[in-house]
């Protein structure tokens, strides 16, 4: 096993570059990683958070016996003589190791548990594990998943401010580099306040889709506001006829564009 292969593995595990460089400086390989003691791991990864993730990865590696393709003792002729189906099976085994790592981590909250049950959720968890941040694609996947989780038992359920705030808190616990205000915030508008953030926008987007698919019936805006005392006013939005129309209509499209232009 080469140092480069060891580096590739550690990057797949989501280990930060300074820690990877520490192992490179000592010329570790994948095989020698398996021999690490707790004291040596502590020397290279002093912070508890990344160290616990590394130790869990290392445990799975030791148990599976997996290595990267082209390991020590293999040459090009051996590779060429290996049936394609066998090489593919070996690659799938490596992929499954990373998947099992994601699924085996202890649940941090109910959102973590729910994300493990869907492919989009696993994609989000895997991307964060590999990069320590979310991009626009994974944020959008995550937003759809958490709203769906909130509506899975009742598509017509009206989410409250407490719901948005609780979901945003769960997201930040699971993905610490995320900012709560990206997902939920309350903005002052004159004497009233309005909700901003990805969660509210995605909720109304999905709600319009459910209405246009005739899976739910439109609800008067005032009913949505009065459904729970924890919901404060939407401010000037309530007085805006175009905004109220958009909450319950998706057609005709020319009208949608016109109302959107008036309220955006």
Foldseek 3Di string as FASTA:
>chain_A
DFLVQVLVVVLLQQDDPQLSVLCVVVGDDLVVLLVDDPVRLCVSPVDPVVSVSVVLLSVLCNVLVAGDPPDPPDDPVNVVPDDPVVVVVSVVSVVVSLLVSLVPDDDPDVLSVQLNVDPLSSVLSSVCSNHLADDPVNVVSSLVSLLCVVCVVPVPDQDALVNQQVSLVSVCSSRVVDDSVQAWDWADDPPWIAIDHDNVVVSLVVNQVCLVVVVDADDQPVCSQPVDPRHTDNPCLVVDPLSRCSSGDPDDVVSNVVSVVVPD
